[in-house]
Amino acid sequence: AIGQISLASFTNEQGLQPVGGTAWKETFA
């Protein structure tokens, strides 16, 4: 084993801020 991928989860996914590049940023919401 040379590493393990980590995944993130959020209480409210609708509160994520789209930032382009098919990516999101964490927000207070």
mmCIF file of all heavy atoms, coordinates in Angstrom:
data_MODEL
# 
_entry.id   MODEL 
# 
loop_
_atom_site.group_PDB 
_atom_site.id 
_atom_site.type_symbol 
_atom_site.label_atom_id 
_atom_site.label_alt_id 
_atom_site.label_comp_id 
_atom_site.label_asym_id 
_atom_site.label_entity_id 
_atom_site.label_seq_id 
_atom_site.pdbx_PDB_ins_code 
_atom_site.Cartn_x 
_atom_site.Cartn_y 
_atom_site.Cartn_z 
_atom_site.occupancy 
_atom_site.B_iso_or_equiv 
_atom_site.pdbx_formal_charge 
_atom_site.auth_seq_id 
_atom_site.auth_comp_id 
_atom_site.auth_asym_id 
_atom_site.auth_atom_id 
_atom_site.pdbx_PDB_model_num 
ATOM 1   N N   . ALA A 1 1  ? 0.849   -1.193 0.000   1.00 0.00 ? 1  ALA A N   1 
ATOM 2   C CA  . ALA A 1 1  ? 0.000   0.000  0.000   1.00 0.00 ? 1  ALA A CA  1 
ATOM 3   C C   . ALA A 1 1  ? 0.884   1.242  0.000   1.00 0.00 ? 1  ALA A C   1 
ATOM 4   O O   . ALA A 1 1  ? 1.853   1.323  0.765   1.00 0.00 ? 1  ALA A O   1 
ATOM 5   C CB  . ALA A 1 1  ? -0.908  -0.003 1.220   1.00 0.00 ? 1  ALA A CB  1 
ATOM 6   N N   . ILE A 1 2  ? 0.577   2.197  -0.874  1.00 0.00 ? 2  ILE A N   1 
ATOM 7   C CA  . ILE A 1 2  ? 1.363   3.434  -0.932  1.00 0.00 ? 2  ILE A CA  1 
ATOM 8   C C   . ILE A 1 2  ? 0.505   4.653  -0.586  1.00 0.00 ? 2  ILE A C   1 
ATOM 9   O O   . ILE A 1 2  ? 0.996   5.774  -0.613  1.00 0.00 ? 2  ILE A O   1 
ATOM 10  C CB  . ILE A 1 2  ? 2.001   3.620  -2.321  1.00 0.00 ? 2  ILE A CB  1 
ATOM 11  C CG1 . ILE A 1 2  ? 0.929   3.659  -3.420  1.00 0.00 ? 2  ILE A CG1 1 
ATOM 12  C CG2 . ILE A 1 2  ? 3.011   2.530  -2.604  1.00 0.00 ? 2  ILE A CG2 1 
ATOM 13  C CD1 . ILE A 1 2  ? 1.493   3.969  -4.806  1.00 0.00 ? 2  ILE A CD1 1 
ATOM 14  N N   . GLY A 1 3  ? -0.743  4.422  -0.230  1.00 0.00 ? 3  GLY A N   1 
ATOM 15  C CA  . GLY A 1 3  ? -1.616  5.526  0.168   1.00 0.00 ? 3  GLY A CA  1 
ATOM 16  C C   . GLY A 1 3  ? -3.071  5.126  0.055   1.00 0.00 ? 3  GLY A C   1 
ATOM 17  O O   . GLY A 1 3  ? -3.409  4.075  -0.506  1.00 0.00 ? 3  GLY A O   1 
ATOM 18  N N   . GLN A 1 4  ? -3.937  5.956  0.607   1.00 0.00 ? 4  GLN A N   1 
ATOM 19  C CA  . GLN A 1 4  ? -5.386  5.723  0.526   1.00 0.00 ? 4  GLN A CA  1 
ATOM 20  C C   . GLN A 1 4  ? -6.102  7.036  0.265   1.00 0.00 ? 4  GLN A C   1 
ATOM 21  O O   . GLN A 1 4  ? -5.842  8.045  0.924   1.00 0.00 ? 4  GLN A O   1 
ATOM 22  C CB  . GLN A 1 4  ? -5.907  5.088  1.815   1.00 0.00 ? 4  GLN A CB  1 
ATOM 23  C CG  . GLN A 1 4  ? -7.392  4.732  1.758   1.00 0.00 ? 4  GLN A CG  1 
ATOM 24  C CD  . GLN A 1 4  ? -7.892  4.070  3.037   1.00 0.00 ? 4  GLN A CD  1 
ATOM 25  O OE1 . GLN A 1 4  ? -7.363  4.309  4.119   1.00 0.00 ? 4  GLN A OE1 1 
ATOM 26  N NE2 . GLN A 1 4  ? -8.904  3.234  2.917   1.00 0.00 ? 4  GLN A NE2 1 
ATOM 27  N N   . ILE A 1 5  ? -6.997  7.012  -0.706  1.00 0.00 ? 5  ILE A N   1 
ATOM 28  C CA  . ILE A 1 5  ? -7.778  8.201  -1.067  1.00 0.00 ? 5  ILE A CA  1 
ATOM 29  C C   . ILE A 1 5  ? -8.755  8.538  0.057   1.00 0.00 ? 5  ILE A C   1 
ATOM 30  O O   . ILE A 1 5  ? -9.350  7.647  0.675   1.00 0.00 ? 5  ILE A O   1 
ATOM 31  C CB  . ILE A 1 5  ? -8.528  7.955  -2.379  1.00 0.00 ? 5  ILE A CB  1 
ATOM 32  C CG1 . ILE A 1 5  ? -7.528  7.724  -3.518  1.00 0.00 ? 5  ILE A CG1 1 
ATOM 33  C CG2 . ILE A 1 5  ? -9.471  9.105  -2.715  1.00 0.00 ? 5  ILE A CG2 1 
ATOM 34  C CD1 . ILE A 1 5  ? -8.116  7.048  -4.721  1.00 0.00 ? 5  ILE A CD1 1 
ATOM 35  N N   . SER A 1 6  ? -8.912  9.808  0.340   1.00 0.00 ? 6  SER A N   1 
ATOM 36  C CA  . SER A 1 6  ? -9.881  10.263 1.335   1.00 0.00 ? 6  SER A CA  1 
ATOM 37  C C   . SER A 1 6  ? -11.051 10.940 0.625   1.00 0.00 ? 6  SER A C   1 
ATOM 38  O O   . SER A 1 6  ? -10.867 11.607 -0.398  1.00 0.00 ? 6  SER A O   1 
ATOM 39  C CB  . SER A 1 6  ? -9.227  11.250 2.301   1.00 0.00 ? 6  SER A CB  1 
ATOM 40  O OG  . SER A 1 6  ? -10.186 11.768 3.208   1.00 0.00 ? 6  SER A OG  1 
ATOM 41  N N   . LEU A 1 7  ? -12.244 10.751 1.171   1.00 0.00 ? 7  LEU A N   1 
ATOM 42  C CA  . LEU A 1 7  ? -13.438 11.415 0.647   1.00 0.00 ? 7  LEU A CA  1 
ATOM 43  C C   . LEU A 1 7  ? -13.996 12.367 1.702   1.00 0.00 ? 7  LEU A C   1 
ATOM 44  O O   . LEU A 1 7  ? -13.822 12.164 2.906   1.00 0.00 ? 7  LEU A O   1 
ATOM 45  C CB  . LEU A 1 7  ? -14.514 10.389 0.265   1.00 0.00 ? 7  LEU A CB  1 
ATOM 46  C CG  . LEU A 1 7  ? -14.191 9.424  -0.878  1.00 0.00 ? 7  LEU A CG  1 
ATOM 47  C CD1 . LEU A 1 7  ? -15.382 8.523  -1.152  1.00 0.00 ? 7  LEU A CD1 1 
ATOM 48  C CD2 . LEU A 1 7  ? -13.783 10.169 -2.141  1.00 0.00 ? 7  LEU A CD2 1 
ATOM 49  N N   . ALA A 1 8  ? -14.659 13.424 1.224   1.00 0.00 ? 8  ALA A N   1 
ATOM 50  C CA  . ALA A 1 8  ? -15.265 14.417 2.109   1.00 0.00 ? 8  ALA A CA  1 
ATOM 51  C C   . ALA A 1 8  ? -16.782 14.338 2.016   1.00 0.00 ? 8  ALA A C   1 
ATOM 52  O O   . ALA A 1 8  ? -17.342 14.012 0.962   1.00 0.00 ? 8  ALA A O   1 
ATOM 53  C CB  . ALA A 1 8  ? -14.796 15.822 1.733   1.00 0.00 ? 8  ALA A CB  1 
ATOM 54  N N   . SER A 1 9  ? -17.436 14.624 3.119   1.00 0.00 ? 9  SER A N   1 
ATOM 55  C CA  . SER A 1 9  ? -18.902 14.697 3.133   1.00 0.00 ? 9  SER A CA  1 
ATOM 56  C C   . SER A 1 9  ? -19.327 15.971 3.848   1.00 0.00 ? 9  SER A C   1 
ATOM 57  O O   . SER A 1 9  ? -18.570 16.522 4.660   1.00 0.00 ? 9  SER A O   1 
ATOM 58  C CB  . SER A 1 9  ? -19.499 13.468 3.836   1.00 0.00 ? 9  SER A CB  1 
ATOM 59  O OG  . SER A 1 9  ? -19.051 13.393 5.184   1.00 0.00 ? 9  SER A OG  1 
ATOM 60  N N   . PHE A 1 10 ? -20.548 16.457 3.538   1.00 0.00 ? 10 PHE A N   1 
ATOM 61  C CA  . PHE A 1 10 ? -21.061 17.694 4.114   1.00 0.00 ? 10 PHE A CA  1 
ATOM 62  C C   . PHE A 1 10 ? -22.482 17.480 4.608   1.00 0.00 ? 10 PHE A C   1 
ATOM 63  O O   . PHE A 1 10 ? -23.251 16.704 4.019   1.00 0.00 ? 10 PHE A O   1 
ATOM 64  C CB  . PHE A 1 10 ? -21.041 18.821 3.076   1.00 0.00 ? 10 PHE A CB  1 
ATOM 65  C CG  . PHE A 1 10 ? -19.660 19.191 2.603   1.00 0.00 ? 10 PHE A CG  1 
ATOM 66  C CD1 . PHE A 1 10 ? -19.100 18.536 1.515   1.00 0.00 ? 10 PHE A CD1 1 
ATOM 67  C CD2 . PHE A 1 10 ? -18.932 20.165 3.256   1.00 0.00 ? 10 PHE A CD2 1 
ATOM 68  C CE1 . PHE A 1 10 ? -17.835 18.867 1.074   1.00 0.00 ? 10 PHE A CE1 1 
ATOM 69  C CE2 . PHE A 1 10 ? -17.656 20.497 2.819   1.00 0.00 ? 10 PHE A CE2 1 
ATOM 70  C CZ  . PHE A 1 10 ? -17.104 19.841 1.737   1.00 0.00 ? 10 PHE A CZ  1 
ATOM 71  N N   . THR A 1 11 ? -22.834 18.193 5.674   1.00 0.00 ? 11 THR A N   1 
ATOM 72  C CA  . THR A 1 11 ? -24.194 18.119 6.204   1.00 0.00 ? 11 THR A CA  1 
ATOM 73  C C   . THR A 1 11 ? -25.192 18.674 5.201   1.00 0.00 ? 11 THR A C   1 
ATOM 74  O O   . THR A 1 11 ? -26.276 18.126 5.001   1.00 0.00 ? 11 THR A O   1 
ATOM 75  C CB  . THR A 1 11 ? -24.289 18.896 7.525   1.00 0.00 ? 11 THR A CB  1 
ATOM 76  O OG1 . THR A 1 11 ? -23.322 18.391 8.447   1.00 0.00 ? 11 THR A OG1 1 
ATOM 77  C CG2 . THR A 1 11 ? -25.683 18.763 8.125   1.00 0.00 ? 11 THR A CG2 1 
ATOM 78  N N   . ASN A 1 12 ? -24.822 19.773 4.537   1.00 0.00 ? 12 ASN A N   1 
ATOM 79  C CA  . ASN A 1 12 ? -25.697 20.413 3.555   1.00 0.00 ? 12 ASN A CA  1 
ATOM 80  C C   . ASN A 1 12 ? -24.934 20.611 2.256   1.00 0.00 ? 12 ASN A C   1 
ATOM 81  O O   . ASN A 1 12 ? -24.239 21.621 2.079   1.00 0.00 ? 12 ASN A O   1 
ATOM 82  C CB  . ASN A 1 12 ? -26.212 21.751 4.097   1.00 0.00 ? 12 ASN A CB  1 
ATOM 83  C CG  . ASN A 1 12 ? -27.055 22.499 3.071   1.00 0.00 ? 12 ASN A CG  1 
ATOM 84  O OD1 . ASN A 1 12 ? -27.666 21.874 2.197   1.00 0.00 ? 12 ASN A OD1 1 
ATOM 85  N ND2 . ASN A 1 12 ? -27.088 23.816 3.170   1.00 0.00 ? 12 ASN A ND2 1 
ATOM 86  N N   . GLU A 1 13 ? -25.055 19.685 1.339   1.00 0.00 ? 13 GLU A N   1 
ATOM 87  C CA  . GLU A 1 13 ? -24.355 19.803 0.061   1.00 0.00 ? 13 GLU A CA  1 
ATOM 88  C C   . GLU A 1 13 ? -24.843 20.999 -0.750  1.00 0.00 ? 13 GLU A C   1 
ATOM 89  O O   . GLU A 1 13 ? -24.082 21.578 -1.534  1.00 0.00 ? 13 GLU A O   1 
ATOM 90  C CB  . GLU A 1 13 ? -24.541 18.510 -0.754  1.00 0.00 ? 13 GLU A CB  1 
ATOM 91  C CG  . GLU A 1 13 ? -23.867 17.297 -0.143  1.00 0.00 ? 13 GLU A CG  1 
ATOM 92  C CD  . GLU A 1 13 ? -24.112 16.035 -0.946  1.00 0.00 ? 13 GLU A CD  1 
ATOM 93  O OE1 . GLU A 1 13 ? -25.075 16.032 -1.749  1.00 0.00 ? 13 GLU A OE1 1 
ATOM 94  O OE2 . GLU A 1 13 ? -23.370 15.056 -0.769  1.00 0.00 ? 13 GLU A OE2 1 
ATOM 95  N N   . GLN A 1 14 ? -26.121 21.371 -0.566  1.00 0.00 ? 14 GLN A N   1 
ATOM 96  C CA  . GLN A 1 14 ? -26.658 22.511 -1.316  1.00 0.00 ? 14 GLN A CA  1 
ATOM 97  C C   . GLN A 1 14 ? -25.983 23.825 -0.925  1.00 0.00 ? 14 GLN A C   1 
ATOM 98  O O   . GLN A 1 14 ? -26.067 24.809 -1.652  1.00 0.00 ? 14 GLN A O   1 
ATOM 99  C CB  . GLN A 1 14 ? -28.168 22.633 -1.090  1.00 0.00 ? 14 GLN A CB  1 
ATOM 100 C CG  . GLN A 1 14 ? -28.980 21.505 -1.702  1.00 0.00 ? 14 GLN A CG  1 
ATOM 101 C CD  . GLN A 1 14 ? -28.914 21.493 -3.218  1.00 0.00 ? 14 GLN A CD  1 
ATOM 102 O OE1 . GLN A 1 14 ? -28.680 22.516 -3.843  1.00 0.00 ? 14 GLN A OE1 1 
ATOM 103 N NE2 . GLN A 1 14 ? -29.103 20.324 -3.822  1.00 0.00 ? 14 GLN A NE2 1 
ATOM 104 N N   . GLY A 1 15 ? -25.307 23.821 0.229   1.00 0.00 ? 15 GLY A N   1 
ATOM 105 C CA  . GLY A 1 15 ? -24.616 25.022 0.663   1.00 0.00 ? 15 GLY A CA  1 
ATOM 106 C C   . GLY A 1 15 ? -23.236 25.189 0.064   1.00 0.00 ? 15 GLY A C   1 
ATOM 107 O O   . GLY A 1 15 ? -22.582 26.224 0.273   1.00 0.00 ? 15 GLY A O   1 
ATOM 108 N N   . LEU A 1 16 ? -22.759 24.215 -0.708  1.00 0.00 ? 16 LEU A N   1 
ATOM 109 C CA  . LEU A 1 16 ? -21.443 24.311 -1.336  1.00 0.00 ? 16 LEU A CA  1 
ATOM 110 C C   . LEU A 1 16 ? -21.443 25.382 -2.427  1.00 0.00 ? 16 LEU A C   1 
ATOM 111 O O   . LEU A 1 16 ? -22.441 25.555 -3.130  1.00 0.00 ? 16 LEU A O   1 
ATOM 112 C CB  . LEU A 1 16 ? -21.039 22.958 -1.933  1.00 0.00 ? 16 LEU A CB  1 
ATOM 113 C CG  . LEU A 1 16 ? -20.736 21.834 -0.932  1.00 0.00 ? 16 LEU A CG  1 
ATOM 114 C CD1 . LEU A 1 16 ? -20.564 20.508 -1.663  1.00 0.00 ? 16 LEU A CD1 1 
ATOM 115 C CD2 . LEU A 1 16 ? -19.482 22.158 -0.128  1.00 0.00 ? 16 LEU A CD2 1 
ATOM 116 N N   . GLN A 1 17 ? -20.310 26.048 -2.575  1.00 0.00 ? 17 GLN A N   1 
ATOM 117 C CA  . GLN A 1 17 ? -20.179 27.115 -3.564  1.00 0.00 ? 17 GLN A CA  1 
ATOM 118 C C   . GLN A 1 17 ? -19.449 26.599 -4.800  1.00 0.00 ? 17 GLN A C   1 
ATOM 119 O O   . GLN A 1 17 ? -18.280 26.228 -4.724  1.00 0.00 ? 17 GLN A O   1 
ATOM 120 C CB  . GLN A 1 17 ? -19.399 28.290 -2.972  1.00 0.00 ? 17 GLN A CB  1 
ATOM 121 C CG  . GLN A 1 17 ? -19.117 29.408 -3.944  1.00 0.00 ? 17 GLN A CG  1 
ATOM 122 C CD  . GLN A 1 17 ? -20.384 30.103 -4.417  1.00 0.00 ? 17 GLN A CD  1 
ATOM 123 O OE1 . GLN A 1 17 ? -21.253 30.424 -3.617  1.00 0.00 ? 17 GLN A OE1 1 
ATOM 124 N NE2 . GLN A 1 17 ? -20.482 30.343 -5.715  1.00 0.00 ? 17 GLN A NE2 1 
ATOM 125 N N   . PRO A 1 18 ? -20.123 26.555 -5.976  1.00 0.00 ? 18 PRO A N   1 
ATOM 126 C CA  . PRO A 1 18 ? -19.420 26.145 -7.199  1.00 0.00 ? 18 PRO A CA  1 
ATOM 127 C C   . PRO A 1 18 ? -18.322 27.152 -7.543  1.00 0.00 ? 18 PRO A C   1 
ATOM 128 O O   . PRO A 1 18 ? -18.545 28.366 -7.483  1.00 0.00 ? 18 PRO A O   1 
ATOM 129 C CB  . PRO A 1 18 ? -20.519 26.133 -8.269  1.00 0.00 ? 18 PRO A CB  1 
ATOM 130 C CG  . PRO A 1 18 ? -21.812 26.099 -7.507  1.00 0.00 ? 18 PRO A CG  1 
ATOM 131 C CD  . PRO A 1 18 ? -21.552 26.826 -6.240  1.00 0.00 ? 18 PRO A CD  1 
ATOM 132 N N   . VAL A 1 19 ? -17.134 26.644 -7.892  1.00 0.00 ? 19 VAL A N   1 
ATOM 133 C CA  . VAL A 1 19 ? -16.015 27.537 -8.208  1.00 0.00 ? 19 VAL A CA  1 
ATOM 134 C C   . VAL A 1 19 ? -15.436 27.249 -9.588  1.00 0.00 ? 19 VAL A C   1 
ATOM 135 O O   . VAL A 1 19 ? -14.369 27.759 -9.939  1.00 0.00 ? 19 VAL A O   1 
ATOM 136 C CB  . VAL A 1 19 ? -14.895 27.412 -7.144  1.00 0.00 ? 19 VAL A CB  1 
ATOM 137 C CG1 . VAL A 1 19 ? -15.370 27.961 -5.807  1.00 0.00 ? 19 VAL A CG1 1 
ATOM 138 C CG2 . VAL A 1 19 ? -14.423 25.974 -7.005  1.00 0.00 ? 19 VAL A CG2 1 
ATOM 139 N N   . GLY A 1 20 ? -16.132 26.471 -10.399 1.00 0.00 ? 20 GLY A N   1 
ATOM 140 C CA  . GLY A 1 20 ? -15.647 26.146 -11.732 1.00 0.00 ? 20 GLY A CA  1 
ATOM 141 C C   . GLY A 1 20 ? -14.701 24.958 -11.707 1.00 0.00 ? 20 GLY A C   1 
ATOM 142 O O   . GLY A 1 20 ? -14.238 24.521 -10.655 1.00 0.00 ? 20 GLY A O   1 
ATOM 143 N N   . GLY A 1 21 ? -14.432 24.429 -12.879 1.00 0.00 ? 21 GLY A N   1 
ATOM 144 C CA  . GLY A 1 21 ? -13.584 23.254 -12.945 1.00 0.00 ? 21 GLY A CA  1 
ATOM 145 C C   . GLY A 1 21 ? -14.234 22.035 -12.321 1.00 0.00 ? 21 GLY A C   1 
ATOM 146 O O   . GLY A 1 21 ? -13.545 21.122 -11.854 1.00 0.00 ? 21 GLY A O   1 
ATOM 147 N N   . THR A 1 22 ? -15.568 22.004 -12.309 1.00 0.00 ? 22 THR A N   1 
ATOM 148 C CA  . THR A 1 22 ? -16.344 20.929 -11.683 1.00 0.00 ? 22 THR A CA  1 
ATOM 149 C C   . THR A 1 22 ? -15.911 20.735 -10.235 1.00 0.00 ? 22 THR A C   1 
ATOM 150 O O   . THR A 1 22 ? -15.714 19.609 -9.761  1.00 0.00 ? 22 THR A O   1 
ATOM 151 C CB  . THR A 1 22 ? -16.187 19.600 -12.453 1.00 0.00 ? 22 THR A CB  1 
ATOM 152 O OG1 . THR A 1 22 ? -16.049 19.873 -13.832 1.00 0.00 ? 22 THR A OG1 1 
ATOM 153 C CG2 . THR A 1 22 ? -17.422 18.719 -12.262 1.00 0.00 ? 22 THR A CG2 1 
ATOM 154 N N   . ALA A 1 23 ? -15.760 21.845 -9.520  1.00 0.00 ? 23 ALA A N   1 
ATOM 155 C CA  . ALA A 1 23 ? -15.337 21.790 -8.123  1.00 0.00 ? 23 ALA A CA  1 
ATOM 156 C C   . ALA A 1 23 ? -16.197 22.721 -7.288  1.00 0.00 ? 23 ALA A C   1 
ATOM 157 O O   . ALA A 1 23 ? -16.858 23.628 -7.805  1.00 0.00 ? 23 ALA A O   1 
ATOM 158 C CB  . ALA A 1 23 ? -13.859 22.166 -7.993  1.00 0.00 ? 23 ALA A CB  1 
ATOM 159 N N   . TRP A 1 24 ? -16.186 22.460 -5.972  1.00 0.00 ? 24 TRP A N   1 
ATOM 160 C CA  . TRP A 1 24 ? -16.948 23.269 -5.029  1.00 0.00 ? 24 TRP A CA  1 
ATOM 161 C C   . TRP A 1 24 ? -16.038 23.657 -3.871  1.00 0.00 ? 24 TRP A C   1 
ATOM 162 O O   . TRP A 1 24 ? -15.029 23.010 -3.601  1.00 0.00 ? 24 TRP A O   1 
ATOM 163 C CB  . TRP A 1 24 ? -18.153 22.496 -4.483  1.00 0.00 ? 24 TRP A CB  1 
ATOM 164 C CG  . TRP A 1 24 ? -19.215 22.172 -5.477  1.00 0.00 ? 24 TRP A CG  1 
ATOM 165 C CD1 . TRP A 1 24 ? -20.358 22.881 -5.721  1.00 0.00 ? 24 TRP A CD1 1 
ATOM 166 C CD2 . TRP A 1 24 ? -19.274 21.034 -6.347  1.00 0.00 ? 24 TRP A CD2 1 
ATOM 167 N NE1 . TRP A 1 24 ? -21.108 22.270 -6.692  1.00 0.00 ? 24 TRP A NE1 1 
ATOM 168 C CE2 . TRP A 1 24 ? -20.472 21.127 -7.102  1.00 0.00 ? 24 TRP A CE2 1 
ATOM 169 C CE3 . TRP A 1 24 ? -18.434 19.957 -6.584  1.00 0.00 ? 24 TRP A CE3 1 
ATOM 170 C CZ2 . TRP A 1 24 ? -20.840 20.185 -8.053  1.00 0.00 ? 24 TRP A CZ2 1 
ATOM 171 C CZ3 . TRP A 1 24 ? -18.790 19.011 -7.526  1.00 0.00 ? 24 TRP A CZ3 1 
ATOM 172 C CH2 . TRP A 1 24 ? -19.977 19.127 -8.250  1.00 0.00 ? 24 TRP A CH2 1 
ATOM 173 N N   . LYS A 1 25 ? -16.457 24.722 -3.179  1.00 0.00 ? 25 LYS A N   1 
ATOM 174 C CA  . LYS A 1 25 ? -15.767 25.165 -1.976  1.00 0.00 ? 25 LYS A CA  1 
ATOM 175 C C   . LYS A 1 25 ? -16.711 25.066 -0.782  1.00 0.00 ? 25 LYS A C   1 
ATOM 176 O O   . LYS A 1 25 ? -17.936 25.215 -0.913  1.00 0.00 ? 25 LYS A O   1 
ATOM 177 C CB  . LYS A 1 25 ? -15.295 26.620 -2.126  1.00 0.00 ? 25 LYS A CB  1 
ATOM 178 C CG  . LYS A 1 25 ? -14.102 26.821 -3.049  1.00 0.00 ? 25 LYS A CG  1 
ATOM 179 C CD  . LYS A 1 25 ? -12.803 26.464 -2.357  1.00 0.00 ? 25 LYS A CD  1 
ATOM 180 C CE  . LYS A 1 25 ? -11.610 26.890 -3.189  1.00 0.00 ? 25 LYS A CE  1 
ATOM 181 N NZ  . LYS A 1 25 ? -10.330 26.597 -2.517  1.00 0.00 ? 25 LYS A NZ  1 
ATOM 182 N N   . GLU A 1 26 ? -16.124 24.838 0.363   1.00 0.00 ? 26 GLU A N   1 
ATOM 183 C CA  . GLU A 1 26 ? -16.892 24.799 1.609   1.00 0.00 ? 26 GLU A CA  1 
ATOM 184 C C   . GLU A 1 26 ? -17.357 26.206 1.974   1.00 0.00 ? 26 GLU A C   1 
ATOM 185 O O   . GLU A 1 26 ? -16.631 27.182 1.788   1.00 0.00 ? 26 GLU A O   1 
ATOM 186 C CB  . GLU A 1 26 ? -15.995 24.229 2.704   1.00 0.00 ? 26 GLU A CB  1 
ATOM 187 C CG  . GLU A 1 26 ? -16.596 24.229 4.091   1.00 0.00 ? 26 GLU A CG  1 
ATOM 188 C CD  . GLU A 1 26 ? -15.591 23.800 5.140   1.00 0.00 ? 26 GLU A CD  1 
ATOM 189 O OE1 . GLU A 1 26 ? -14.948 22.733 4.958   1.00 0.00 ? 26 GLU A OE1 1 
ATOM 190 O OE2 . GLU A 1 26 ? -15.430 24.524 6.139   1.00 0.00 ? 26 GLU A OE2 1 
ATOM 191 N N   . THR A 1 27 ? -18.596 26.327 2.489   1.00 0.00 ? 27 THR A N   1 
ATOM 192 C CA  . THR A 1 27 ? -19.120 27.611 2.966   1.00 0.00 ? 27 THR A CA  1 
ATOM 193 C C   . THR A 1 27 ? -19.717 27.408 4.351   1.00 0.00 ? 27 THR A C   1 
ATOM 194 O O   . THR A 1 27 ? -19.835 26.281 4.848   1.00 0.00 ? 27 THR A O   1 
ATOM 195 C CB  . THR A 1 27 ? -20.209 28.160 2.024   1.00 0.00 ? 27 THR A CB  1 
ATOM 196 O OG1 . THR A 1 27 ? -21.367 27.305 2.093   1.00 0.00 ? 27 THR A OG1 1 
ATOM 197 C CG2 . THR A 1 27 ? -19.714 28.249 0.585   1.00 0.00 ? 27 THR A CG2 1 
ATOM 198 N N   . PHE A 1 28 ? -20.120 28.524 4.967   1.00 0.00 ? 28 PHE A N   1 
ATOM 199 C CA  . PHE A 1 28 ? -20.788 28.424 6.264   1.00 0.00 ? 28 PHE A CA  1 
ATOM 200 C C   . PHE A 1 28 ? -22.075 27.623 6.155   1.00 0.00 ? 28 PHE A C   1 
ATOM 201 O O   . PHE A 1 28 ? -22.433 26.852 7.046   1.00 0.00 ? 28 PHE A O   1 
ATOM 202 C CB  . PHE A 1 28 ? -21.080 29.833 6.796   1.00 0.00 ? 28 PHE A CB  1 
ATOM 203 C CG  . PHE A 1 28 ? -21.786 29.839 8.116   1.00 0.00 ? 28 PHE A CG  1 
ATOM 204 C CD1 . PHE A 1 28 ? -21.089 29.638 9.300   1.00 0.00 ? 28 PHE A CD1 1 
ATOM 205 C CD2 . PHE A 1 28 ? -23.165 30.047 8.177   1.00 0.00 ? 28 PHE A CD2 1 
ATOM 206 C CE1 . PHE A 1 28 ? -21.765 29.634 10.519  1.00 0.00 ? 28 PHE A CE1 1 
ATOM 207 C CE2 . PHE A 1 28 ? -23.833 30.045 9.393   1.00 0.00 ? 28 PHE A CE2 1 
ATOM 208 C CZ  . PHE A 1 28 ? -23.126 29.842 10.565  1.00 0.00 ? 28 PHE A CZ  1 
ATOM 209 N N   . ALA A 1 29 ? -22.788 27.805 5.025   1.00 0.00 ? 29 ALA A N   1 
ATOM 210 C CA  . ALA A 1 29 ? -24.060 27.115 4.831   1.00 0.00 ? 29 ALA A CA  1 
ATOM 211 C C   . ALA A 1 29 ? -23.875 25.602 4.652   1.00 0.00 ? 29 ALA A C   1 
ATOM 212 O O   . ALA A 1 29 ? -24.741 24.817 5.051   1.00 0.00 ? 29 ALA A O   1 
ATOM 213 C CB  . ALA A 1 29 ? -24.790 27.689 3.621   1.00 0.00 ? 29 ALA A CB  1 
# 
